[in-house]
Amino acid sequence: RFFITQCPTTLGYVAAMRGLRAPRPTEPFTYCDLGCGKGLTVNVLAAAMPQARFYGVDLSADHIEAARRTATAGGLLNATFIKDDFANLAEREDLPAFDFIALQGVYSWVDADARQKIQQTVRRLLKPEGLLYVSYNALTGWAPFLPIRQTLRLLVGQASGTPAERAAAAFRYIREVAERAPYFQNSPAARKLLDEVAKEKRGYVIHEFLAGAWDLFTFDEVAEEMASIGLSYCGSALLEPNAGDTGLAPELQPAARAIADPIAAEAVRSFLKAERYRADIFSMSRPAEGWLGRWDDFADQVFGPPMGVMQEPQVRGGALAESVRAFFAVTQTGRASLAQIAKMEPFSGADTETMLRIAHAATRTFARRPYARPALEEVVGPDRIRLALPIHEILLAMAEEESRVALPSPVLGTGIILPFAAAFILDAACRVGVQGALEPAVRRLLDSERVWTHDGKRLETEKEIRPAMAQVHGEFRDRWLPFLLRAGVVEAA
């Protein structure tokens, strides 16, 4: 999977909110993904930011070989993949110091000894002003699932067959007794978690929930471990939690604000929100208080939508609500900097502090992201198009097996997530033109015998698939294509 949360564009943006100066996404920098898997995130980021150097480390030889194949086929000269144990990295002499180190899907899935070695590696390799990204499962949200996981692991050990078959048998057993078992009757949250996990792909479930280590943390536990190696909490890569009270019921907000210590306050907010997952950023430099940052660090920042088809979110009431809606309108094309936006009519009377509040509020809705550079001028309505980078074709082919693909954008400085049906249309459009792309996409989906869930409905027959794909084709032509042209993913042929 590709994770936008670990993108340097996001990490640097949050750091700037806390008064820290991380390398800008157009500047040279070094980045290391510890536990990179098959290297999807590293390869996407390396293609989006060719001036930076990216490293991926994983213990699996198969994963590293797959990552290298993708990088070579995509012509990436700035992506290096290393097969090694985290414990050895601190002693290696062939690694640079890193501006960014990412731990996505690692910290909760290794034992305490491995976490200590990771900490030593981070302390050795992270630059004095570097940023660490670490994701982990939160105790409060996942606690009801702990007994289920333990039982599933016991049942998997009793079953026979492949790992996927044994996992399927264990889930069938648990779900068959769930209606009658007192544990589920007494804990609706446990039943909800079981149903959600059961819908995931078996390979993901085996890795995510049935592996040897599966530790849950409170925020203060992780913050304490990071403090032991000189790191301070900077903020959340999920952006929304950086508003503090966001996600808390109004009646709980005074209780959270009453806690003076910032680490304790964040831990309590995490508990009150019953968070399942956190994606935290820690810095070697001590952040400033507050979440606005300096105007000079944001004046040149460009903002825009993260994808081509999305509904603008409902903005909650408040003093900034109308201004945030206006911000959405003027950033739709992703070309204006915050300083330029401040001179536009809706904001002409706003001071710099207000403009920062508006921009940060917009990014917390996920409808706007910080861009690496201004969007390109689009060519209006081209029928013949081509992919802009060699790696785009390789990544687009993943739509055959995956529900979505990630395509690197030098404009956004990250990957753009494209649903597989839109990816089918894009692939066909590059071969036969935009107008003629519908029929090849329909035929490809029918030939794959894939079950497609669209707008909450399972589509299997041609009668069901064709009108739904026609809708996707129209959305691609009218919305995705202009966005991908501006993002530098496709170009007129």
Protein backbone atom coordinates (compact mmCIF):
# COMPACT_ATOMS: atom_id res chain seq x y z
CA ARG A 1 0.00 0.00 0.00
CA PHE A 2 0.97 3.60 -0.56
CA PHE A 3 0.70 5.85 2.50
CA ILE A 4 0.42 9.57 1.84
CA THR A 5 0.86 10.25 5.56
CA GLN A 6 4.57 9.40 5.39
CA CYS A 7 5.20 11.75 2.47
CA PRO A 8 7.85 14.46 3.13
CA THR A 9 5.40 17.08 1.86
CA THR A 10 3.04 16.22 4.72
CA LEU A 11 5.78 15.83 7.34
CA GLY A 12 7.41 19.14 6.43
CA TYR A 13 4.06 20.93 6.48
CA VAL A 14 3.30 19.78 10.02
CA ALA A 15 6.83 20.66 11.13
CA ALA A 16 6.38 24.19 9.76
CA MET A 17 3.16 24.49 11.76
CA ARG A 18 5.32 23.96 14.85
CA GLY A 19 7.95 26.49 13.80
CA LEU A 20 10.47 23.93 12.50
CA ARG A 21 12.25 24.06 9.16
CA ALA A 22 12.28 20.76 7.26
CA PRO A 23 13.61 20.55 3.69
CA ARG A 24 11.04 21.70 1.16
CA PRO A 25 9.81 19.05 -1.29
CA THR A 26 11.64 20.79 -4.17
CA GLU A 27 14.98 20.80 -2.31
CA PRO A 28 17.53 17.96 -2.04
CA PHE A 29 17.00 15.77 1.02
CA THR A 30 17.46 12.21 2.24
CA TYR A 31 14.63 9.88 3.25
CA CYS A 32 14.61 6.35 4.68
CA ASP A 33 11.64 3.98 4.92
CA LEU A 34 12.35 1.32 7.57
CA GLY A 35 10.25 -1.73 6.73
CA CYS A 36 9.57 -0.64 3.16
CA GLY A 37 7.91 -3.90 2.01
CA LYS A 38 7.97 -4.09 -1.79
CA GLY A 39 8.97 -0.46 -1.98
CA LEU A 40 5.78 1.03 -3.37
CA THR A 41 5.85 4.18 -1.24
CA VAL A 42 9.59 4.72 -1.76
CA ASN A 43 9.33 4.29 -5.53
CA VAL A 44 6.32 6.60 -5.82
CA LEU A 45 8.01 9.31 -3.74
CA ALA A 46 11.31 8.92 -5.59
CA ALA A 47 9.54 9.45 -8.91
CA ALA A 48 7.65 12.47 -7.56
CA MET A 49 10.79 14.10 -6.11
CA PRO A 50 13.79 13.17 -8.28
CA GLN A 51 16.08 15.72 -6.61
CA ALA A 52 15.96 13.78 -3.30
CA ARG A 53 17.55 10.45 -2.33
CA PHE A 54 15.28 7.69 -1.06
CA TYR A 55 16.25 4.51 0.77
CA GLY A 56 14.08 1.52 1.59
CA VAL A 57 15.10 -1.15 4.09
CA ASP A 58 13.41 -4.50 4.60
CA LEU A 59 14.41 -7.91 5.95
CA SER A 60 12.65 -9.82 3.16
CA ALA A 61 14.86 -10.59 0.16
CA ASP A 62 11.76 -11.09 -1.99
CA HIS A 63 10.42 -7.66 -1.04
CA ILE A 64 13.71 -5.93 -1.77
CA GLU A 65 14.09 -7.68 -5.11
CA ALA A 66 10.56 -6.64 -6.12
CA ALA A 67 11.26 -3.05 -5.08
CA ARG A 68 14.48 -2.97 -7.10
CA ARG A 69 12.75 -4.37 -10.18
CA THR A 70 10.15 -1.62 -10.06
CA ALA A 71 12.78 1.09 -9.57
CA THR A 72 14.90 -0.23 -12.45
CA ALA A 73 11.96 -0.61 -14.81
CA GLY A 74 10.79 2.89 -13.91
CA GLY A 75 14.21 4.42 -14.54
CA LEU A 76 14.58 5.66 -10.96
CA LEU A 77 18.18 6.59 -10.13
CA ASN A 78 17.42 8.04 -6.69
CA ALA A 79 15.88 4.96 -5.02
CA THR A 80 18.13 2.51 -3.13
CA PHE A 81 16.84 -0.67 -1.52
CA ILE A 82 18.73 -2.55 1.19
CA LYS A 83 18.07 -5.99 2.64
CA ASP A 84 19.11 -5.83 6.26
CA ASP A 85 17.96 -6.13 9.83
CA PHE A 86 17.19 -2.90 11.68
CA ALA A 87 19.75 -3.91 14.31
CA ASN A 88 22.58 -3.69 11.76
CA LEU A 89 21.70 -0.32 10.28
CA ALA A 90 23.20 1.74 13.08
CA GLU A 91 26.60 0.19 12.34
CA ARG A 92 26.57 0.53 8.56
CA GLU A 93 28.98 3.02 7.02
CA ASP A 94 27.29 3.24 3.61
CA LEU A 95 24.20 5.14 4.73
CA PRO A 96 23.86 8.93 4.87
CA ALA A 97 22.25 10.85 7.69
CA PHE A 98 18.55 11.29 6.97
CA ASP A 99 16.27 14.30 6.99
CA PHE A 100 13.27 11.96 7.25
CA ILE A 101 12.92 8.44 8.64
CA ALA A 102 9.57 6.63 8.32
CA LEU A 103 8.24 3.65 10.26
CA GLN A 104 4.94 2.71 8.62
CA GLY A 105 3.32 -0.50 9.85
CA VAL A 106 6.35 -1.52 11.90
CA TYR A 107 6.24 -0.30 15.49
CA SER A 108 3.22 -2.32 16.65
CA TRP A 109 4.39 -5.43 14.80
CA VAL A 110 7.83 -5.99 16.34
CA ASP A 111 8.80 -6.97 19.87
CA ALA A 112 10.33 -4.72 22.53
CA ASP A 113 13.90 -5.76 21.69
CA ALA A 114 13.40 -4.85 18.03
CA ARG A 115 11.86 -1.51 18.99
CA GLN A 116 14.92 -0.71 21.08
CA LYS A 117 17.17 -1.47 18.11
CA ILE A 118 14.99 0.74 15.93
CA GLN A 119 15.41 3.56 18.43
CA GLN A 120 19.19 3.13 18.34
CA THR A 121 19.13 3.23 14.54
CA VAL A 122 17.02 6.39 14.52
CA ARG A 123 19.31 8.09 17.03
CA ARG A 124 22.33 7.19 14.89
CA LEU A 125 20.93 8.07 11.43
CA LEU A 126 18.48 10.97 11.92
CA LYS A 127 19.91 14.43 11.31
CA PRO A 128 19.93 16.96 14.20
CA GLU A 129 16.93 18.73 12.64
CA GLY A 130 15.39 15.56 11.19
CA LEU A 131 11.85 14.21 11.47
CA LEU A 132 10.70 10.72 12.42
CA TYR A 133 7.33 9.38 11.28
CA VAL A 134 5.96 6.42 13.24
CA SER A 135 2.56 4.74 12.88
CA TYR A 136 1.14 2.34 15.45
CA ASN A 137 -2.06 0.81 16.73
CA ALA A 138 -3.65 2.65 19.64
CA LEU A 139 -4.68 0.76 22.77
CA THR A 140 -8.07 2.34 23.38
CA GLY A 141 -9.54 1.65 19.97
CA TRP A 142 -8.18 -1.89 19.53
CA ALA A 143 -8.47 -3.18 23.11
CA PRO A 144 -11.80 -5.01 22.46
CA PHE A 145 -10.11 -6.97 19.65
CA LEU A 146 -7.30 -8.39 21.81
CA PRO A 147 -9.21 -11.49 23.04
CA ILE A 148 -10.47 -12.09 19.49
CA ARG A 149 -6.94 -11.99 18.13
CA GLN A 150 -5.67 -14.40 20.75
CA THR A 151 -8.50 -16.83 19.95
CA LEU A 152 -7.95 -16.49 16.20
CA ARG A 153 -4.27 -17.33 16.65
CA LEU A 154 -5.20 -20.45 18.63
CA LEU A 155 -7.69 -21.52 15.96
CA VAL A 156 -5.20 -20.92 13.14
CA GLY A 157 -2.79 -23.22 14.95
CA GLN A 158 -5.43 -25.97 15.05
CA ALA A 159 -6.47 -25.68 11.39
CA SER A 160 -4.82 -27.23 8.34
CA GLY A 161 -4.06 -25.95 4.85
CA THR A 162 -2.34 -22.83 3.57
CA PRO A 163 -2.01 -19.77 5.83
CA ALA A 164 -4.92 -18.14 3.99
CA GLU A 165 -7.10 -21.27 4.37
CA ARG A 166 -6.30 -21.57 8.07
CA ALA A 167 -7.08 -17.89 8.63
CA ALA A 168 -10.38 -18.26 6.75
CA ALA A 169 -11.33 -21.28 8.88
CA ALA A 170 -10.56 -19.39 12.09
CA PHE A 171 -12.67 -16.42 11.04
CA ARG A 172 -15.58 -18.68 10.06
CA TYR A 173 -15.52 -20.31 13.48
CA ILE A 174 -15.45 -17.00 15.34
CA ARG A 175 -18.22 -15.45 13.24
CA GLU A 176 -20.45 -18.51 13.59
CA VAL A 177 -20.37 -18.29 17.38
CA ALA A 178 -20.37 -14.50 17.55
CA GLU A 179 -24.17 -14.24 17.70
CA ARG A 180 -24.32 -16.42 20.80
CA ALA A 181 -21.05 -15.66 22.60
CA PRO A 182 -21.48 -13.45 25.69
CA TYR A 183 -18.27 -11.59 24.86
CA PHE A 184 -19.78 -10.14 21.71
CA GLN A 185 -23.13 -9.52 23.38
CA ASN A 186 -21.36 -7.54 26.10
CA SER A 187 -19.05 -5.71 23.69
CA PRO A 188 -20.68 -4.36 20.51
CA ALA A 189 -17.36 -2.68 19.70
CA ALA A 190 -15.69 -6.10 19.55
CA ARG A 191 -18.29 -7.37 17.09
CA LYS A 192 -17.86 -4.29 14.92
CA LEU A 193 -14.09 -4.76 14.84
CA LEU A 194 -14.45 -8.45 13.96
CA ASP A 195 -16.77 -7.65 11.05
CA GLU A 196 -14.42 -4.98 9.72
CA VAL A 197 -11.31 -7.15 9.94
CA ALA A 198 -13.10 -10.10 8.31
CA LYS A 199 -13.72 -8.00 5.18
CA GLU A 200 -10.01 -7.35 4.61
CA LYS A 201 -7.87 -9.39 2.24
CA ARG A 202 -6.55 -12.55 3.88
CA GLY A 203 -2.91 -11.70 3.21
CA TYR A 204 -3.33 -8.34 4.91
CA VAL A 205 -5.12 -9.90 7.88
CA ILE A 206 -2.40 -12.51 8.37
CA HIS A 207 0.33 -9.86 8.39
CA GLU A 208 -1.60 -7.22 10.29
CA PHE A 209 -3.37 -9.21 13.00
CA LEU A 210 -2.08 -12.78 13.18
CA ALA A 211 1.69 -12.26 13.13
CA GLY A 212 3.79 -12.90 16.23
CA ALA A 213 3.91 -9.35 17.60
CA TRP A 214 0.89 -7.08 17.80
CA ASP A 215 1.41 -4.46 20.48
CA LEU A 216 -0.99 -1.64 21.25
CA PHE A 217 0.23 1.67 22.65
CA THR A 218 -1.07 4.76 24.34
CA PHE A 219 0.34 7.98 22.94
CA ASP A 220 2.30 8.81 26.09
CA GLU A 221 4.08 5.42 25.94
CA VAL A 222 5.37 6.10 22.45
CA ALA A 223 6.23 9.71 23.29
CA GLU A 224 8.27 8.49 26.28
CA GLU A 225 10.19 6.00 24.13
CA MET A 226 10.94 8.72 21.59
CA ALA A 227 12.01 11.14 24.33
CA SER A 228 14.58 8.57 25.47
CA ILE A 229 16.47 9.16 22.20
CA GLY A 230 16.05 12.93 22.21
CA LEU A 231 12.89 13.29 20.11
CA SER A 232 9.99 15.64 20.81
CA TYR A 233 6.39 15.27 19.65
CA CYS A 234 5.80 17.50 16.64
CA GLY A 235 2.28 16.61 15.48
CA SER A 236 0.10 14.15 13.61
CA ALA A 237 0.62 13.24 9.96
CA LEU A 238 -3.14 12.64 9.83
CA LEU A 239 -3.48 16.46 10.09
CA GLU A 240 -6.96 16.50 11.64
CA PRO A 241 -5.78 15.74 15.22
CA ASN A 242 -3.55 18.82 15.12
CA ALA A 243 -6.65 20.93 15.77
CA GLY A 244 -6.66 19.55 19.31
CA ASP A 245 -10.36 19.20 20.03
CA THR A 246 -11.29 17.93 16.55
CA GLY A 247 -13.20 14.67 16.88
CA LEU A 248 -14.13 15.24 20.51
CA ALA A 249 -17.74 15.68 21.55
CA PRO A 250 -18.36 19.29 22.69
CA GLU A 251 -19.08 18.17 26.26
CA LEU A 252 -15.63 16.49 26.46
CA GLN A 253 -13.59 19.39 25.11
CA PRO A 254 -13.31 21.33 28.41
CA ALA A 255 -11.99 18.21 30.14
CA ALA A 256 -9.24 17.85 27.54
CA ARG A 257 -8.30 21.53 27.69
CA ALA A 258 -7.96 21.40 31.47
CA ILE A 259 -4.79 19.28 31.27
CA ALA A 260 -1.71 21.50 31.21
CA ASP A 261 0.98 19.00 30.22
CA PRO A 262 0.89 18.69 26.39
CA ILE A 263 1.87 15.00 26.30
CA ALA A 264 -0.71 14.05 28.92
CA ALA A 265 -3.33 16.19 27.18
CA GLU A 266 -2.69 14.50 23.82
CA ALA A 267 -2.84 11.06 25.45
CA VAL A 268 -6.18 11.89 27.07
CA ARG A 269 -7.59 13.23 23.80
CA SER A 270 -6.52 10.00 22.09
CA PHE A 271 -8.29 8.02 24.83
CA LEU A 272 -11.47 10.11 24.68
CA LYS A 273 -11.64 9.69 20.89
CA ALA A 274 -11.04 5.92 21.17
CA GLU A 275 -8.39 6.16 18.47
CA ARG A 276 -7.39 2.91 16.78
CA TYR A 277 -4.44 4.21 14.85
CA ARG A 278 -1.94 7.02 15.13
CA ALA A 279 0.61 8.41 12.70
CA ASP A 280 2.85 10.68 14.75
CA ILE A 281 5.76 12.93 13.83
CA PHE A 282 8.69 13.44 16.19
CA SER A 283 11.54 15.90 15.76
CA MET A 284 15.10 16.18 16.96
CA SER A 285 14.52 19.93 17.38
CA ARG A 286 12.10 21.13 20.02
CA PRO A 287 8.90 22.50 18.43
CA ALA A 288 7.45 25.86 19.32
CA GLU A 289 4.16 26.11 21.18
CA GLY A 290 1.04 26.50 19.08
CA TRP A 291 0.07 25.23 15.63
CA LEU A 292 0.24 28.23 13.30
CA GLY A 293 3.88 28.51 12.32
CA ARG A 294 5.55 31.54 10.76
CA TRP A 295 4.04 33.39 7.81
CA ASP A 296 7.37 33.39 5.97
CA ASP A 297 7.39 29.58 6.00
CA PHE A 298 3.94 29.38 4.39
CA ALA A 299 3.69 32.44 2.15
CA ASP A 300 4.95 30.53 -0.91
CA GLN A 301 3.03 27.34 -0.09
CA VAL A 302 0.61 26.21 -2.81
CA PHE A 303 -2.53 24.25 -1.91
CA GLY A 304 -4.81 22.11 -4.03
CA PRO A 305 -7.08 19.04 -4.07
CA PRO A 306 -5.49 15.60 -3.53
CA MET A 307 -7.55 13.85 -6.20
CA GLY A 308 -9.70 14.47 -9.23
CA VAL A 309 -13.09 13.29 -7.99
CA MET A 310 -14.15 14.17 -4.48
CA GLN A 311 -16.94 16.00 -2.75
CA GLU A 312 -16.05 19.14 -0.86
CA PRO A 313 -16.53 18.36 2.83
CA GLN A 314 -19.10 19.93 5.05
CA VAL A 315 -17.31 22.68 6.95
CA ARG A 316 -18.52 23.00 10.50
CA GLY A 317 -19.88 26.29 11.70
CA GLY A 318 -17.57 28.82 13.23
CA ALA A 319 -15.81 32.06 12.51
CA LEU A 320 -13.67 30.54 9.74
CA ALA A 321 -16.31 28.38 8.02
CA GLU A 322 -17.15 30.78 5.20
CA SER A 323 -13.48 31.63 4.69
CA VAL A 324 -12.57 27.95 4.42
CA ARG A 325 -15.28 27.45 1.78
CA ALA A 326 -13.86 30.41 -0.14
CA PHE A 327 -10.38 28.89 0.23
CA PHE A 328 -11.63 25.67 -1.40
CA ALA A 329 -12.90 27.67 -4.38
CA VAL A 330 -9.70 29.63 -5.05
CA THR A 331 -7.41 26.59 -4.62
CA GLN A 332 -9.32 24.24 -6.94
CA THR A 333 -6.67 24.46 -9.68
CA GLY A 334 -3.70 24.27 -7.30
CA ARG A 335 -1.76 27.21 -8.72
CA ALA A 336 -1.96 30.02 -6.15
CA SER A 337 0.39 30.44 -3.18
CA LEU A 338 -0.94 31.49 0.20
CA ALA A 339 0.52 34.98 -0.30
CA GLN A 340 -1.32 35.26 -3.63
CA ILE A 341 -4.53 33.94 -2.08
CA ALA A 342 -4.32 36.55 0.68
CA LYS A 343 -4.58 39.29 -1.99
CA MET A 344 -7.74 37.82 -3.54
CA GLU A 345 -11.09 39.47 -2.92
CA PRO A 346 -12.52 37.07 -0.30
CA PHE A 347 -9.42 37.47 1.90
CA SER A 348 -8.21 41.01 1.19
CA GLY A 349 -8.91 42.18 4.74
CA ALA A 350 -7.45 39.17 6.54
CA ASP A 351 -4.16 39.38 8.44
CA THR A 352 -1.43 36.76 8.11
CA GLU A 353 -2.47 34.91 11.28
CA THR A 354 -6.02 34.54 9.99
CA MET A 355 -4.76 33.29 6.62
CA LEU A 356 -2.67 30.63 8.35
CA ARG A 357 -5.69 29.52 10.38
CA ILE A 358 -7.80 29.25 7.21
CA ALA A 359 -5.16 27.25 5.33
CA HIS A 360 -4.57 24.84 8.22
CA ALA A 361 -8.32 24.37 8.72
CA ALA A 362 -8.69 23.51 5.02
CA THR A 363 -5.93 20.88 5.11
CA ARG A 364 -7.48 19.23 8.15
CA THR A 365 -10.57 18.42 6.07
CA PHE A 366 -8.37 16.35 3.67
CA ALA A 367 -9.98 18.23 0.75
CA ARG A 368 -6.81 20.29 0.33
CA ARG A 369 -3.17 19.27 0.54
CA PRO A 370 0.07 21.24 0.47
CA TYR A 371 1.61 20.97 -3.01
CA ALA A 372 5.30 20.75 -3.83
CA ARG A 373 4.97 23.33 -6.63
CA PRO A 374 2.23 25.14 -8.59
CA ALA A 375 0.09 22.97 -10.84
CA LEU A 376 0.75 22.90 -14.57
CA GLU A 377 -1.37 24.72 -17.11
CA GLU A 378 -3.70 22.09 -18.50
CA VAL A 379 -4.39 21.47 -22.16
CA VAL A 380 -8.16 21.77 -22.56
CA GLY A 381 -9.91 18.59 -23.60
CA PRO A 382 -7.17 16.53 -25.32
CA ASP A 383 -8.34 13.19 -26.69
CA ARG A 384 -4.91 11.67 -27.18
CA ILE A 385 -2.90 11.50 -23.97
CA ARG A 386 0.14 9.67 -22.63
CA LEU A 387 1.63 8.99 -19.23
CA ALA A 388 4.31 11.49 -18.23
CA LEU A 389 6.80 9.14 -16.50
CA PRO A 390 8.03 5.61 -17.32
CA ILE A 391 7.07 4.37 -13.86
CA HIS A 392 3.45 5.46 -14.36
CA GLU A 393 2.85 2.56 -16.74
CA ILE A 394 4.31 0.04 -14.26
CA LEU A 395 2.21 1.35 -11.39
CA LEU A 396 -0.92 1.62 -13.53
CA ALA A 397 -0.65 -2.11 -14.33
CA MET A 398 -1.17 -2.84 -10.61
CA ALA A 399 -4.86 -2.01 -11.09
CA GLU A 400 -5.25 -5.56 -12.42
CA GLU A 401 -4.92 -6.89 -8.86
CA GLU A 402 -5.38 -3.89 -6.56
CA SER A 403 -8.44 -1.82 -5.71
CA ARG A 404 -6.49 1.40 -6.31
CA VAL A 405 -3.14 2.53 -7.64
CA ALA A 406 -0.75 5.31 -6.63
CA LEU A 407 0.68 7.48 -9.41
CA PRO A 408 3.55 9.88 -8.57
CA SER A 409 2.99 13.58 -9.16
CA PRO A 410 5.93 16.02 -9.21
CA VAL A 411 3.38 18.79 -8.63
CA LEU A 412 1.88 17.36 -5.46
CA GLY A 413 5.20 15.86 -4.35
CA THR A 414 3.45 12.61 -3.52
CA GLY A 415 1.29 9.90 -5.05
CA ILE A 416 -2.23 10.36 -6.39
CA ILE A 417 -4.62 7.56 -5.46
CA LEU A 418 -6.67 6.41 -8.44
CA PRO A 419 -9.49 3.82 -8.03
CA PHE A 420 -8.99 0.77 -10.23
CA ALA A 421 -11.99 1.53 -12.50
CA ALA A 422 -10.63 5.00 -13.27
CA ALA A 423 -7.21 3.39 -13.77
CA PHE A 424 -8.76 1.05 -16.36
CA ILE A 425 -10.18 4.10 -18.17
CA LEU A 426 -6.82 5.90 -18.00
CA ASP A 427 -4.97 2.89 -19.41
CA ALA A 428 -7.44 2.60 -22.28
CA ALA A 429 -7.37 6.36 -22.94
CA CYS A 430 -3.59 6.25 -23.38
CA ARG A 431 -4.03 3.56 -26.03
CA VAL A 432 -7.17 4.53 -27.96
CA GLY A 433 -8.00 8.06 -26.84
CA VAL A 434 -10.23 9.46 -24.11
CA GLN A 435 -13.49 9.28 -26.06
CA GLY A 436 -12.99 5.64 -27.04
CA ALA A 437 -11.76 4.42 -23.64
CA LEU A 438 -15.08 3.14 -22.30
CA GLU A 439 -15.44 -0.04 -24.35
CA PRO A 440 -11.89 -1.40 -23.73
CA ALA A 441 -12.28 -0.70 -20.01
CA VAL A 442 -15.61 -2.54 -19.86
CA ARG A 443 -14.19 -5.53 -21.74
CA ARG A 444 -11.13 -5.66 -19.48
CA LEU A 445 -13.27 -5.70 -16.36
CA LEU A 446 -15.58 -8.39 -17.74
CA ASP A 447 -12.65 -10.56 -18.84
CA SER A 448 -11.09 -10.30 -15.39
CA GLU A 449 -14.21 -11.83 -13.78
CA ARG A 450 -13.65 -9.37 -10.98
CA VAL A 451 -16.48 -8.47 -8.61
CA TRP A 452 -16.77 -4.69 -8.53
CA THR A 453 -18.42 -2.88 -5.65
CA HIS A 454 -19.51 0.54 -6.90
CA ASP A 455 -21.59 2.99 -4.86
CA GLY A 456 -22.19 0.21 -2.34
CA LYS A 457 -23.52 -2.30 -4.91
CA ARG A 458 -21.87 -5.50 -6.13
CA LEU A 459 -21.66 -5.45 -9.92
CA GLU A 460 -20.98 -8.71 -11.77
CA THR A 461 -22.90 -8.78 -15.06
CA GLU A 462 -22.31 -6.67 -18.16
CA LYS A 463 -25.75 -5.13 -17.71
CA GLU A 464 -24.68 -3.91 -14.26
CA ILE A 465 -21.09 -3.00 -15.12
CA ARG A 466 -21.55 -1.02 -18.34
CA PRO A 467 -23.61 1.93 -16.99
CA ALA A 468 -21.41 2.16 -13.89
CA MET A 469 -18.25 2.21 -16.01
CA ALA A 470 -19.89 4.83 -18.26
CA GLN A 471 -20.32 6.98 -15.16
CA VAL A 472 -16.63 6.52 -14.28
CA HIS A 473 -15.69 7.36 -17.88
CA GLY A 474 -17.63 10.62 -17.67
CA GLU A 475 -16.02 11.50 -14.35
CA PHE A 476 -12.61 10.71 -15.80
CA ARG A 477 -13.16 12.91 -18.85
CA ASP A 478 -14.60 15.84 -16.94
CA ARG A 479 -12.72 15.77 -13.63
CA TRP A 480 -9.90 13.24 -13.37
CA LEU A 481 -8.28 14.16 -16.70
CA PRO A 482 -7.98 17.92 -16.01
CA PHE A 483 -6.59 17.11 -12.57
CA LEU A 484 -4.03 14.58 -13.86
CA LEU A 485 -2.90 17.07 -16.53
CA ARG A 486 -2.36 19.77 -13.91
CA ALA A 487 -0.59 17.26 -11.64
CA GLY A 488 1.93 16.22 -14.30
CA VAL A 489 0.78 12.60 -14.40
CA VAL A 490 -0.47 12.69 -18.00
CA GLU A 491 0.20 15.01 -20.92
CA ALA A 492 -1.26 15.64 -24.34
CA ALA A 493 0.17 13.21 -26.89
